Amino acid sequence: MRVSQLSPLSIPAQDIPRAVRFYREVFDLPSVFGKHESAHLSLHGEGITFIENAASINVQVIVKDTPADIQNHFINYFVPETRPAEVIDQATHFFIADFEGNTIEVIAK
């Protein structure tokens, strides 16, 4: 996926390695290695952090992919949609969730 925006950049997760893997694979985010070789993710040079012991949130991801490409990507990565996609203001909105219970709205403009 070609992510242009992700908000917020701090995401709750109890299993941080699994969260890093999910967001890296589902959204094709690049890994950045820091101290002690632990993997972190970034978007346009800004770090994405995963916070333990925080309540689930809504994450918004804006992508530059077509709706058909997004649906195929979800199928290929076995990511089910939590509700049917909607067209709002000429953009297609997809709704998924991560394994931590965070809801994710993926918007294709």
C-alpha atoms as a PDB file:
ATOM      1  CA  MET A   1       0.000   0.000   0.000  1.00  0.00           C
ATOM      2  CA  ARG A   2       1.145   3.524  -0.681  1.00  0.00           C
ATOM      3  CA  VAL A   3       0.397   5.323   2.589  1.00  0.00           C
ATOM      4  CA  SER A   4       0.419   9.104   2.401  1.00  0.00           C
ATOM      5  CA  GLN A   5      -0.853   9.819   5.943  1.00  0.00           C
ATOM      6  CA  LEU A   6      -1.315   7.894   9.170  1.00  0.00           C
ATOM      7  CA  SER A   7      -2.861   9.415  12.255  1.00  0.00           C
ATOM      8  CA  PRO A   8      -2.078   9.194  15.095  1.00  0.00           C
ATOM      9  CA  LEU A   9       1.556   8.098  15.043  1.00  0.00           C
ATOM     10  CA  SER A  10       1.242   6.525  18.515  1.00  0.00           C
ATOM     11  CA  ILE A  11      -0.785   3.320  18.535  1.00  0.00           C
ATOM     12  CA  PRO A  12      -1.773   1.184  21.552  1.00  0.00           C
ATOM     13  CA  ALA A  13      -0.403  -2.371  21.511  1.00  0.00           C
ATOM     14  CA  GLN A  14       0.210  -5.018  24.138  1.00  0.00           C
ATOM     15  CA  ASP A  15       2.292  -7.220  21.832  1.00  0.00           C
ATOM     16  CA  ILE A  16       4.618  -4.679  20.231  1.00  0.00           C
ATOM     17  CA  PRO A  17       6.559  -7.070  17.935  1.00  0.00           C
ATOM     18  CA  ARG A  18       3.255  -8.371  16.566  1.00  0.00           C
ATOM     19  CA  ALA A  19       1.935  -4.815  16.113  1.00  0.00           C
ATOM     20  CA  VAL A  20       5.104  -3.777  14.260  1.00  0.00           C
ATOM     21  CA  ARG A  21       4.746  -6.812  11.993  1.00  0.00           C
ATOM     22  CA  PHE A  22       1.029  -6.134  11.338  1.00  0.00           C
ATOM     23  CA  TYR A  23       1.456  -2.466  10.410  1.00  0.00           C
ATOM     24  CA  ARG A  24       4.650  -3.133   8.420  1.00  0.00           C
ATOM     25  CA  GLU A  25       3.075  -5.923   6.367  1.00  0.00           C
ATOM     26  CA  VAL A  26      -0.487  -4.633   5.947  1.00  0.00           C
ATOM     27  CA  PHE A  27       0.508  -1.025   5.210  1.00  0.00           C
ATOM     28  CA  ASP A  28       3.968  -1.630   3.694  1.00  0.00           C
ATOM     29  CA  LEU A  29       5.592   0.746   6.190  1.00  0.00           C
ATOM     30  CA  PRO A  30       9.391   0.816   6.289  1.00  0.00           C
ATOM     31  CA  SER A  31      11.306  -0.549   9.278  1.00  0.00           C
ATOM     32  CA  VAL A  32      13.862   1.604  11.010  1.00  0.00           C
ATOM     33  CA  PHE A  33      16.297  -0.082  13.355  1.00  0.00           C
ATOM     34  CA  GLY A  34      17.222   1.724  16.541  1.00  0.00           C
ATOM     35  CA  LYS A  35      19.097   0.942  19.715  1.00  0.00           C
ATOM     36  CA  HIS A  36      19.625  -2.745  20.408  1.00  0.00           C
ATOM     37  CA  GLU A  37      18.357  -3.578  16.892  1.00  0.00           C
ATOM     38  CA  SER A  38      14.685  -3.372  17.846  1.00  0.00           C
ATOM     39  CA  ALA A  39      12.459  -2.676  14.852  1.00  0.00           C
ATOM     40  CA  HIS A  40      10.338   0.430  14.671  1.00  0.00           C
ATOM     41  CA  LEU A  41       8.296   1.835  11.820  1.00  0.00           C
ATOM     42  CA  SER A  42       8.266   5.199  10.139  1.00  0.00           C
ATOM     43  CA  LEU A  43       6.252   7.190   7.649  1.00  0.00           C
ATOM     44  CA  HIS A  44       7.921   9.998   5.712  1.00  0.00           C
ATOM     45  CA  GLY A  45      10.776  10.017   8.243  1.00  0.00           C
ATOM     46  CA  GLU A  46       8.509  10.300  11.306  1.00  0.00           C
ATOM     47  CA  GLY A  47       8.591   7.455  13.787  1.00  0.00           C
ATOM     48  CA  ILE A  48       5.523   5.387  14.601  1.00  0.00           C
ATOM     49  CA  THR A  49       5.413   4.296  18.224  1.00  0.00           C
ATOM     50  CA  PHE A  50       3.459   1.536  19.915  1.00  0.00           C
ATOM     51  CA  ILE A  51       2.297   2.220  23.462  1.00  0.00           C
ATOM     52  CA  GLU A  52       1.645  -0.496  26.032  1.00  0.00           C
ATOM     53  CA  ASN A  53      -1.255  -0.309  28.497  1.00  0.00           C
ATOM     54  CA  ALA A  54      -3.268   2.250  26.536  1.00  0.00           C
ATOM     55  CA  ALA A  55      -6.924   2.117  25.495  1.00  0.00           C
ATOM     56  CA  SER A  56      -7.838   1.148  21.938  1.00  0.00           C
ATOM     57  CA  ILE A  57      -8.159   4.018  19.470  1.00  0.00           C
ATOM     58  CA  ASN A  58      -9.283   4.857  15.945  1.00  0.00           C
ATOM     59  CA  VAL A  59      -6.461   5.023  13.406  1.00  0.00           C
ATOM     60  CA  GLN A  60      -6.898   6.782  10.072  1.00  0.00           C
ATOM     61  CA  VAL A  61      -4.743   5.802   7.099  1.00  0.00           C
ATOM     62  CA  ILE A  62      -4.893   7.679   3.802  1.00  0.00           C
ATOM     63  CA  VAL A  63      -3.526   5.772   0.822  1.00  0.00           C
ATOM     64  CA  LYS A  64      -2.822   6.422  -2.844  1.00  0.00           C
ATOM     65  CA  ASP A  65      -4.112   3.029  -4.021  1.00  0.00           C
ATOM     66  CA  THR A  66      -7.281   2.206  -5.916  1.00  0.00           C
ATOM     67  CA  PRO A  67     -10.195   0.665  -3.996  1.00  0.00           C
ATOM     68  CA  ALA A  68      -9.780  -2.601  -5.953  1.00  0.00           C
ATOM     69  CA  ASP A  69      -6.075  -2.769  -5.050  1.00  0.00           C
ATOM     70  CA  ILE A  70      -6.887  -2.172  -1.389  1.00  0.00           C
ATOM     71  CA  GLN A  71      -9.494  -4.936  -1.288  1.00  0.00           C
ATOM     72  CA  ASN A  72      -7.073  -7.351  -2.973  1.00  0.00           C
ATOM     73  CA  HIS A  73      -4.341  -6.375  -0.517  1.00  0.00           C
ATOM     74  CA  PHE A  74      -6.644  -7.115   2.436  1.00  0.00           C
ATOM     75  CA  ILE A  75      -7.563 -10.481   0.912  1.00  0.00           C
ATOM     76  CA  ASN A  76      -3.891 -11.368   0.334  1.00  0.00           C
ATOM     77  CA  TYR A  77      -3.015 -10.544   3.956  1.00  0.00           C
ATOM     78  CA  PHE A  78      -6.150 -12.185   5.427  1.00  0.00           C
ATOM     79  CA  VAL A  79      -7.359  -8.891   6.922  1.00  0.00           C
ATOM     80  CA  PRO A  80     -11.166  -8.945   7.178  1.00  0.00           C
ATOM     81  CA  GLU A  81     -13.187  -5.789   6.824  1.00  0.00           C
ATOM     82  CA  THR A  82     -15.192  -5.025   9.976  1.00  0.00           C
ATOM     83  CA  ARG A  83     -17.973  -3.404   7.950  1.00  0.00           C
ATOM     84  CA  PRO A  84     -18.635  -2.745   4.265  1.00  0.00           C
ATOM     85  CA  ALA A  85     -16.678  -0.019   2.489  1.00  0.00           C
ATOM     86  CA  GLU A  86     -18.416   3.330   2.002  1.00  0.00           C
ATOM     87  CA  VAL A  87     -17.964   6.135  -0.512  1.00  0.00           C
ATOM     88  CA  ILE A  88     -17.854   9.458   1.331  1.00  0.00           C
ATOM     89  CA  ASP A  89     -16.993  12.737  -0.399  1.00  0.00           C
ATOM     90  CA  GLN A  90     -15.615  10.939  -3.480  1.00  0.00           C
ATOM     91  CA  ALA A  91     -13.261   8.781  -1.390  1.00  0.00           C
ATOM     92  CA  THR A  92     -13.680   5.088  -0.558  1.00  0.00           C
ATOM     93  CA  HIS A  93     -13.441   4.301   3.162  1.00  0.00           C
ATOM     94  CA  PHE A  94     -12.530   0.780   4.300  1.00  0.00           C
ATOM     95  CA  PHE A  95     -12.904  -0.373   7.891  1.00  0.00           C
ATOM     96  CA  ILE A  96     -10.637  -2.976   9.484  1.00  0.00           C
ATOM     97  CA  ALA A  97      -9.210  -3.672  12.949  1.00  0.00           C
ATOM     98  CA  ASP A  98      -5.867  -4.777  14.243  1.00  0.00           C
ATOM     99  CA  PHE A  99      -5.540  -7.685  16.692  1.00  0.00           C
ATOM    100  CA  GLU A 100      -5.369  -5.213  19.616  1.00  0.00           C
ATOM    101  CA  GLY A 101      -8.882  -3.877  18.995  1.00  0.00           C
ATOM    102  CA  ASN A 102      -7.850  -0.615  17.366  1.00  0.00           C
ATOM    103  CA  THR A 103     -10.223   0.309  14.560  1.00  0.00           C
ATOM    104  CA  ILE A 104      -8.566   1.389  11.337  1.00  0.00           C
ATOM    105  CA  GLU A 105     -10.211   3.501   8.644  1.00  0.00           C
ATOM    106  CA  VAL A 106      -8.364   3.234   5.333  1.00  0.00           C
ATOM    107  CA  ILE A 107      -9.240   6.017   2.912  1.00  0.00           C
ATOM    108  CA  ALA A 108      -8.556   5.839  -0.821  1.00  0.00           C
ATOM    109  CA  LYS A 109      -8.879   9.277  -2.389  1.00  0.00           C
END
